[in-house]
Amino acid sequence: NRPATARASLPGACRKADGGVRHGLAQTPREVVEAMKRLATEMHNRDTPGRKYTNAPYITHPAKVVEMLESWGYSADEGSDAVILATAWGHDLLEDTKTTEEEIGNAGGIFGASLVNCIRALTFDPGEAGKEERVRLKSLYIQTIAKSSREIVVVKMADRLCNTLDFCASGDPWAVEYLKLGAPLFERIDECKGSDRIRATLEAVRRKVAELQDYCSPES
């Protein structure tokens, strides 16, 4: 059970007389996105170490994913888009923090159930798997995500591309294999809103990866 102080600070929520949290207070698409932004910021700041390589606050990663989705034309003022952007803010909550599905549902207001389902689908849990087994399980996870709804797929595309750019910026050659393993996701581009913009971003990231690969080549 969460301490009362943590529950009281849930975004888009307020305390009831019995100390619980009132449900569904986020009533518009934009309110839902803002509520999930606040929840993700609070929980990642509390539970998640800084980003690898830079040690920047972890919330900078979901923020980049949301920014990329917005650059593809997704808007917090449209219902289906708001679910995508809110999911992007919270996509690592179940995986990397102690946030519960109930807390996500509370913050999600009118879209609470949809957000819980999307974030649950995006959560990767390898258990106690070793490095090689983890890579195999991650590949299966990506293949499963690639068969999911367009809302889930487009969030994972943005997540994959943002992570790849971070690898490139740090000079980590894992970027090459990491992007390659995400290939099943990008087979769904034409089904997504903003497909031309998504494809342009993918090509730009591929160029970054190719530059890194050339730089890391023994012959360079």
C-alpha atoms as a PDB file:
ATOM      1  CA  ASN A   1       0.000   0.000   0.000  1.00  0.00           C
ATOM      2  CA  ARG A   2       1.205   3.492  -0.860  1.00  0.00           C
ATOM      3  CA  PRO A   3       1.739   6.107   1.831  1.00  0.00           C
ATOM      4  CA  ALA A   4      -1.125   8.605   2.036  1.00  0.00           C
ATOM      5  CA  THR A   5       1.201  11.419   1.017  1.00  0.00           C
ATOM      6  CA  ALA A   6       2.052   9.732  -2.291  1.00  0.00           C
ATOM      7  CA  ARG A   7      -1.598   9.026  -3.082  1.00  0.00           C
ATOM      8  CA  ALA A   8      -2.677  12.534  -2.127  1.00  0.00           C
ATOM      9  CA  SER A   9      -0.328  14.028  -4.685  1.00  0.00           C
ATOM     10  CA  LEU A  10      -1.708  12.020  -7.579  1.00  0.00           C
ATOM     11  CA  PRO A  11      -2.202  14.353 -10.549  1.00  0.00           C
ATOM     12  CA  GLY A  12      -5.765  15.183 -11.442  1.00  0.00           C
ATOM     13  CA  ALA A  13      -6.955  13.686  -8.163  1.00  0.00           C
ATOM     14  CA  CYS A  14      -7.952  14.907  -4.702  1.00  0.00           C
ATOM     15  CA  ARG A  15      -8.348  13.347  -1.306  1.00  0.00           C
ATOM     16  CA  LYS A  16     -11.738  12.063  -0.213  1.00  0.00           C
ATOM     17  CA  ALA A  17     -12.792  12.216   3.416  1.00  0.00           C
ATOM     18  CA  ASP A  18     -11.742   8.595   3.920  1.00  0.00           C
ATOM     19  CA  GLY A  19      -8.271   9.254   2.510  1.00  0.00           C
ATOM     20  CA  GLY A  20      -8.946   7.600  -0.848  1.00  0.00           C
ATOM     21  CA  VAL A  21      -8.662   9.134  -4.302  1.00  0.00           C
ATOM     22  CA  ARG A  22     -11.580  10.427  -6.294  1.00  0.00           C
ATOM     23  CA  HIS A  23     -11.796   8.814  -9.748  1.00  0.00           C
ATOM     24  CA  GLY A  24     -12.145  10.364 -13.176  1.00  0.00           C
ATOM     25  CA  LEU A  25     -11.450  14.034 -12.440  1.00  0.00           C
ATOM     26  CA  ALA A  26      -9.537  14.477 -15.711  1.00  0.00           C
ATOM     27  CA  GLN A  27     -12.497  15.141 -17.997  1.00  0.00           C
ATOM     28  CA  THR A  28     -11.000  16.488 -21.232  1.00  0.00           C
ATOM     29  CA  PRO A  29      -8.316  14.988 -23.476  1.00  0.00           C
ATOM     30  CA  ARG A  30      -5.796  17.695 -22.572  1.00  0.00           C
ATOM     31  CA  GLU A  31      -6.485  17.285 -18.846  1.00  0.00           C
ATOM     32  CA  VAL A  32      -5.733  13.560 -19.172  1.00  0.00           C
ATOM     33  CA  VAL A  33      -2.403  14.230 -20.909  1.00  0.00           C
ATOM     34  CA  GLU A  34      -1.415  16.803 -18.283  1.00  0.00           C
ATOM     35  CA  ALA A  35      -2.456  14.453 -15.466  1.00  0.00           C
ATOM     36  CA  MET A  36      -0.320  11.634 -16.854  1.00  0.00           C
ATOM     37  CA  LYS A  37       2.596  14.030 -17.306  1.00  0.00           C
ATOM     38  CA  ARG A  38       2.399  14.969 -13.626  1.00  0.00           C
ATOM     39  CA  LEU A  39       2.039  11.362 -12.488  1.00  0.00           C
ATOM     40  CA  ALA A  40       4.996  10.233 -14.600  1.00  0.00           C
ATOM     41  CA  THR A  41       7.140  13.113 -13.365  1.00  0.00           C
ATOM     42  CA  GLU A  42       6.345  12.408  -9.727  1.00  0.00           C
ATOM     43  CA  MET A  43       6.839   8.650  -9.907  1.00  0.00           C
ATOM     44  CA  HIS A  44       9.988   8.656 -12.052  1.00  0.00           C
ATOM     45  CA  ASN A  45      11.562  11.350  -9.880  1.00  0.00           C
ATOM     46  CA  ARG A  46      10.797   9.200  -6.846  1.00  0.00           C
ATOM     47  CA  ASP A  47      11.621   5.709  -8.119  1.00  0.00           C
ATOM     48  CA  THR A  48      13.824   5.795 -11.223  1.00  0.00           C
ATOM     49  CA  PRO A  49      17.578   6.515 -11.446  1.00  0.00           C
ATOM     50  CA  GLY A  50      18.809   9.050 -13.955  1.00  0.00           C
ATOM     51  CA  ARG A  51      19.177   8.174 -17.622  1.00  0.00           C
ATOM     52  CA  LYS A  52      22.138   6.026 -18.564  1.00  0.00           C
ATOM     53  CA  TYR A  53      25.168   7.960 -19.890  1.00  0.00           C
ATOM     54  CA  THR A  54      23.814  11.434 -19.008  1.00  0.00           C
ATOM     55  CA  ASN A  55      22.236  10.828 -15.568  1.00  0.00           C
ATOM     56  CA  ALA A  56      19.539  13.309 -16.624  1.00  0.00           C
ATOM     57  CA  PRO A  57      16.220  12.894 -14.780  1.00  0.00           C
ATOM     58  CA  TYR A  58      14.428   9.882 -16.255  1.00  0.00           C
ATOM     59  CA  ILE A  59      11.347  11.957 -17.072  1.00  0.00           C
ATOM     60  CA  THR A  60      13.350  13.569 -19.888  1.00  0.00           C
ATOM     61  CA  HIS A  61      12.883  10.323 -21.835  1.00  0.00           C
ATOM     62  CA  PRO A  62       9.053  10.240 -21.821  1.00  0.00           C
ATOM     63  CA  ALA A  63       9.160  13.970 -22.580  1.00  0.00           C
ATOM     64  CA  LYS A  64      11.217  13.286 -25.722  1.00  0.00           C
ATOM     65  CA  VAL A  65       8.820  10.522 -26.782  1.00  0.00           C
ATOM     66  CA  VAL A  66       5.865  12.894 -26.413  1.00  0.00           C
ATOM     67  CA  GLU A  67       7.715  15.636 -28.297  1.00  0.00           C
ATOM     68  CA  MET A  68       8.404  13.251 -31.174  1.00  0.00           C
ATOM     69  CA  LEU A  69       4.759  12.177 -31.327  1.00  0.00           C
ATOM     70  CA  GLU A  70       3.671  15.810 -31.366  1.00  0.00           C
ATOM     71  CA  SER A  71       6.082  16.453 -34.249  1.00  0.00           C
ATOM     72  CA  TRP A  72       4.233  13.697 -36.122  1.00  0.00           C
ATOM     73  CA  GLY A  73       0.945  15.579 -35.682  1.00  0.00           C
ATOM     74  CA  TYR A  74      -0.540  14.076 -32.522  1.00  0.00           C
ATOM     75  CA  SER A  75      -2.484  16.609 -30.447  1.00  0.00           C
ATOM     76  CA  ALA A  76      -3.566  16.620 -26.804  1.00  0.00           C
ATOM     77  CA  ASP A  77      -6.871  18.207 -27.862  1.00  0.00           C
ATOM     78  CA  GLU A  78      -8.047  15.165 -29.838  1.00  0.00           C
ATOM     79  CA  GLY A  79      -9.387  12.161 -27.953  1.00  0.00           C
ATOM     80  CA  SER A  80      -7.557   9.313 -29.651  1.00  0.00           C
ATOM     81  CA  ASP A  81      -4.361  11.370 -29.903  1.00  0.00           C
ATOM     82  CA  ALA A  82      -4.612  12.260 -26.213  1.00  0.00           C
ATOM     83  CA  VAL A  83      -4.645   8.567 -25.302  1.00  0.00           C
ATOM     84  CA  ILE A  84      -1.437   8.145 -27.326  1.00  0.00           C
ATOM     85  CA  LEU A  85       0.301  11.138 -25.720  1.00  0.00           C
ATOM     86  CA  ALA A  86      -0.838  10.190 -22.211  1.00  0.00           C
ATOM     87  CA  THR A  87       0.379   6.633 -22.813  1.00  0.00           C
ATOM     88  CA  ALA A  88       3.728   8.040 -23.954  1.00  0.00           C
ATOM     89  CA  TRP A  89       4.098   9.969 -20.692  1.00  0.00           C
ATOM     90  CA  GLY A  90       3.345   6.844 -18.696  1.00  0.00           C
ATOM     91  CA  HIS A  91       4.770   4.086 -20.863  1.00  0.00           C
ATOM     92  CA  ASP A  92       7.540   3.132 -18.398  1.00  0.00           C
ATOM     93  CA  LEU A  93       5.582   3.553 -15.167  1.00  0.00           C
ATOM     94  CA  LEU A  94       4.699  -0.102 -14.580  1.00  0.00           C
ATOM     95  CA  GLU A  95       8.097  -1.276 -15.798  1.00  0.00           C
ATOM     96  CA  ASP A  96      10.388   1.112 -13.932  1.00  0.00           C
ATOM     97  CA  THR A  97       8.466   2.532 -10.956  1.00  0.00           C
ATOM     98  CA  LYS A  98       6.212   1.319  -8.161  1.00  0.00           C
ATOM     99  CA  THR A  99       3.168   2.959  -9.730  1.00  0.00           C
ATOM    100  CA  THR A 100       0.055   0.769  -9.664  1.00  0.00           C
ATOM    101  CA  GLU A 101      -2.508   0.270 -12.397  1.00  0.00           C
ATOM    102  CA  GLU A 102      -5.072   1.838 -10.058  1.00  0.00           C
ATOM    103  CA  GLU A 103      -3.025   5.025  -9.857  1.00  0.00           C
ATOM    104  CA  ILE A 104      -2.732   5.172 -13.640  1.00  0.00           C
ATOM    105  CA  GLY A 105      -6.476   4.642 -13.965  1.00  0.00           C
ATOM    106  CA  ASN A 106      -7.168   7.402 -11.438  1.00  0.00           C
ATOM    107  CA  ALA A 107      -4.908   9.858 -13.249  1.00  0.00           C
ATOM    108  CA  GLY A 108      -6.335   8.828 -16.625  1.00  0.00           C
ATOM    109  CA  GLY A 109      -9.840  10.035 -15.804  1.00  0.00           C
ATOM    110  CA  ILE A 110     -12.129   9.534 -18.779  1.00  0.00           C
ATOM    111  CA  PHE A 111      -9.468   7.417 -20.516  1.00  0.00           C
ATOM    112  CA  GLY A 112      -8.297   5.573 -17.416  1.00  0.00           C
ATOM    113  CA  ALA A 113      -9.082   2.028 -18.559  1.00  0.00           C
ATOM    114  CA  SER A 114      -7.554   2.597 -21.996  1.00  0.00           C
ATOM    115  CA  LEU A 115      -4.352   3.985 -20.495  1.00  0.00           C
ATOM    116  CA  VAL A 116      -3.996   1.048 -18.120  1.00  0.00           C
ATOM    117  CA  ASN A 117      -4.387  -1.386 -21.026  1.00  0.00           C
ATOM    118  CA  CYS A 118      -1.913   0.458 -23.256  1.00  0.00           C
ATOM    119  CA  ILE A 119       0.749   0.879 -20.575  1.00  0.00           C
ATOM    120  CA  ARG A 120       0.349  -2.732 -19.471  1.00  0.00           C
ATOM    121  CA  ALA A 121       0.888  -3.860 -23.078  1.00  0.00           C
ATOM    122  CA  LEU A 122       4.045  -1.735 -23.338  1.00  0.00           C
ATOM    123  CA  THR A 123       5.554  -3.128 -20.132  1.00  0.00           C
ATOM    124  CA  PHE A 124       8.492  -5.508 -20.560  1.00  0.00           C
ATOM    125  CA  ASP A 125       9.167  -7.882 -17.674  1.00  0.00           C
ATOM    126  CA  PRO A 126      12.094 -10.266 -18.270  1.00  0.00           C
ATOM    127  CA  GLY A 127      12.040 -11.550 -14.705  1.00  0.00           C
ATOM    128  CA  GLU A 128      15.420 -12.968 -13.704  1.00  0.00           C
ATOM    129  CA  ALA A 129      16.539 -13.667 -17.282  1.00  0.00           C
ATOM    130  CA  GLY A 130      20.236 -13.389 -18.102  1.00  0.00           C
ATOM    131  CA  LYS A 131      21.614 -11.092 -20.780  1.00  0.00           C
ATOM    132  CA  GLU A 132      21.186 -13.446 -23.770  1.00  0.00           C
ATOM    133  CA  GLU A 133      17.743 -14.603 -22.671  1.00  0.00           C
ATOM    134  CA  ARG A 134      16.728 -11.016 -22.072  1.00  0.00           C
ATOM    135  CA  VAL A 135      17.622 -10.113 -25.669  1.00  0.00           C
ATOM    136  CA  ARG A 136      15.549 -13.051 -26.941  1.00  0.00           C
ATOM    137  CA  LEU A 137      12.580 -12.091 -24.765  1.00  0.00           C
ATOM    138  CA  LYS A 138      12.877  -8.464 -25.857  1.00  0.00           C
ATOM    139  CA  SER A 139      12.697  -9.546 -29.494  1.00  0.00           C
ATOM    140  CA  LEU A 140       9.526 -11.544 -28.782  1.00  0.00           C
ATOM    141  CA  TYR A 141       8.122  -8.567 -26.900  1.00  0.00           C
ATOM    142  CA  ILE A 142       8.700  -6.272 -29.896  1.00  0.00           C
ATOM    143  CA  GLN A 143       7.046  -8.789 -32.215  1.00  0.00           C
ATOM    144  CA  THR A 144       4.031  -8.881 -29.903  1.00  0.00           C
ATOM    145  CA  ILE A 145       3.848  -5.082 -29.707  1.00  0.00           C
ATOM    146  CA  ALA A 146       4.015  -4.913 -33.512  1.00  0.00           C
ATOM    147  CA  LYS A 147       0.747  -6.879 -33.662  1.00  0.00           C
ATOM    148  CA  SER A 148      -1.004  -4.602 -31.169  1.00  0.00           C
ATOM    149  CA  SER A 149      -3.240  -1.599 -31.770  1.00  0.00           C
ATOM    150  CA  ARG A 150      -1.944   1.368 -33.742  1.00  0.00           C
ATOM    151  CA  GLU A 151      -1.998   3.472 -30.561  1.00  0.00           C
ATOM    152  CA  ILE A 152       0.425   1.113 -28.836  1.00  0.00           C
ATOM    153  CA  VAL A 153       2.581   0.656 -31.931  1.00  0.00           C
ATOM    154  CA  VAL A 154       3.083   4.361 -32.595  1.00  0.00           C
ATOM    155  CA  VAL A 155       4.119   5.018 -28.989  1.00  0.00           C
ATOM    156  CA  LYS A 156       6.631   2.177 -29.198  1.00  0.00           C
ATOM    157  CA  MET A 157       7.967   3.520 -32.504  1.00  0.00           C
ATOM    158  CA  ALA A 158       8.678   6.878 -30.895  1.00  0.00           C
ATOM    159  CA  ASP A 159      10.171   5.211 -27.826  1.00  0.00           C
ATOM    160  CA  ARG A 160      12.445   3.067 -29.993  1.00  0.00           C
ATOM    161  CA  LEU A 161      13.627   5.996 -32.078  1.00  0.00           C
ATOM    162  CA  CYS A 162      14.274   8.213 -29.050  1.00  0.00           C
ATOM    163  CA  ASN A 163      16.307   5.480 -27.382  1.00  0.00           C
ATOM    164  CA  THR A 164      18.263   4.891 -30.578  1.00  0.00           C
ATOM    165  CA  LEU A 165      19.133   8.589 -30.779  1.00  0.00           C
ATOM    166  CA  ASP A 166      20.320   8.463 -27.168  1.00  0.00           C
ATOM    167  CA  PHE A 167      22.574   5.504 -28.002  1.00  0.00           C
ATOM    168  CA  CYS A 168      23.952   7.399 -30.992  1.00  0.00           C
ATOM    169  CA  ALA A 169      24.583  10.537 -28.944  1.00  0.00           C
ATOM    170  CA  SER A 170      26.572   8.510 -26.425  1.00  0.00           C
ATOM    171  CA  GLY A 171      28.525   6.671 -29.129  1.00  0.00           C
ATOM    172  CA  ASP A 172      27.108   3.279 -28.121  1.00  0.00           C
ATOM    173  CA  PRO A 173      27.312   0.849 -31.096  1.00  0.00           C
ATOM    174  CA  TRP A 174      24.346  -1.065 -29.633  1.00  0.00           C
ATOM    175  CA  ALA A 175      22.253   1.509 -31.520  1.00  0.00           C
ATOM    176  CA  VAL A 176      22.751  -0.523 -34.716  1.00  0.00           C
ATOM    177  CA  GLU A 177      21.272  -3.765 -33.393  1.00  0.00           C
ATOM    178  CA  TYR A 178      18.714  -1.966 -31.260  1.00  0.00           C
ATOM    179  CA  LEU A 179      17.141  -0.218 -34.238  1.00  0.00           C
ATOM    180  CA  LYS A 180      17.289  -3.408 -36.292  1.00  0.00           C
ATOM    181  CA  LEU A 181      15.381  -5.328 -33.607  1.00  0.00           C
ATOM    182  CA  GLY A 182      12.620  -2.721 -33.833  1.00  0.00           C
ATOM    183  CA  ALA A 183      12.017  -3.407 -37.542  1.00  0.00           C
ATOM    184  CA  PRO A 184       8.638  -5.179 -37.010  1.00  0.00           C
ATOM    185  CA  LEU A 185       7.233  -1.981 -35.558  1.00  0.00           C
ATOM    186  CA  PHE A 186       8.065   0.106 -38.586  1.00  0.00           C
ATOM    187  CA  GLU A 187       6.237  -2.264 -40.902  1.00  0.00           C
ATOM    188  CA  ARG A 188       3.084  -0.639 -39.488  1.00  0.00           C
ATOM    189  CA  ILE A 189       3.993   2.954 -40.399  1.00  0.00           C
ATOM    190  CA  ASP A 190       1.453   3.275 -43.204  1.00  0.00           C
ATOM    191  CA  GLU A 191      -1.377   2.473 -40.767  1.00  0.00           C
ATOM    192  CA  CYS A 192      -0.467   5.361 -38.466  1.00  0.00           C
ATOM    193  CA  LYS A 193      -1.420   9.005 -38.508  1.00  0.00           C
ATOM    194  CA  GLY A 194       1.513  11.130 -39.704  1.00  0.00           C
ATOM    195  CA  SER A 195       3.047   8.243 -41.628  1.00  0.00           C
ATOM    196  CA  ASP A 196       5.132  10.531 -43.861  1.00  0.00           C
ATOM    197  CA  ARG A 197       6.572  12.326 -40.828  1.00  0.00           C
ATOM    198  CA  ILE A 198       7.238   9.046 -39.053  1.00  0.00           C
ATOM    199  CA  ARG A 199       9.061   7.710 -42.101  1.00  0.00           C
ATOM    200  CA  ALA A 200      11.137  10.903 -42.339  1.00  0.00           C
ATOM    201  CA  THR A 201      12.141  10.564 -38.680  1.00  0.00           C
ATOM    202  CA  LEU A 202      13.034   6.912 -39.165  1.00  0.00           C
ATOM    203  CA  GLU A 203      15.262   7.757 -42.128  1.00  0.00           C
ATOM    204  CA  ALA A 204      16.976  10.516 -40.148  1.00  0.00           C
ATOM    205  CA  VAL A 205      17.650   8.095 -37.295  1.00  0.00           C
ATOM    206  CA  ARG A 206      18.950   5.482 -39.722  1.00  0.00           C
ATOM    207  CA  ARG A 207      21.437   8.035 -41.033  1.00  0.00           C
ATOM    208  CA  LYS A 208      22.614   8.738 -37.480  1.00  0.00           C
ATOM    209  CA  VAL A 209      23.044   5.009 -36.884  1.00  0.00           C
ATOM    210  CA  ALA A 210      24.965   4.596 -40.139  1.00  0.00           C
ATOM    211  CA  GLU A 211      27.302   7.443 -39.152  1.00  0.00           C
ATOM    212  CA  LEU A 212      27.920   5.779 -35.794  1.00  0.00           C
ATOM    213  CA  GLN A 213      28.507   2.417 -37.462  1.00  0.00           C
ATOM    214  CA  ASP A 214      31.073   3.971 -39.797  1.00  0.00           C
ATOM    215  CA  TYR A 215      32.763   5.726 -36.878  1.00  0.00           C
ATOM    216  CA  CYS A 216      32.965   2.475 -34.866  1.00  0.00           C
ATOM    217  CA  SER A 217      34.177   0.405 -37.806  1.00  0.00           C
ATOM    218  CA  PRO A 218      37.697  -1.020 -37.296  1.00  0.00           C
ATOM    219  CA  GLU A 219      38.643   0.397 -40.706  1.00  0.00           C
ATOM    220  CA  SER A 220      37.672   3.956 -39.800  1.00  0.00           C
END
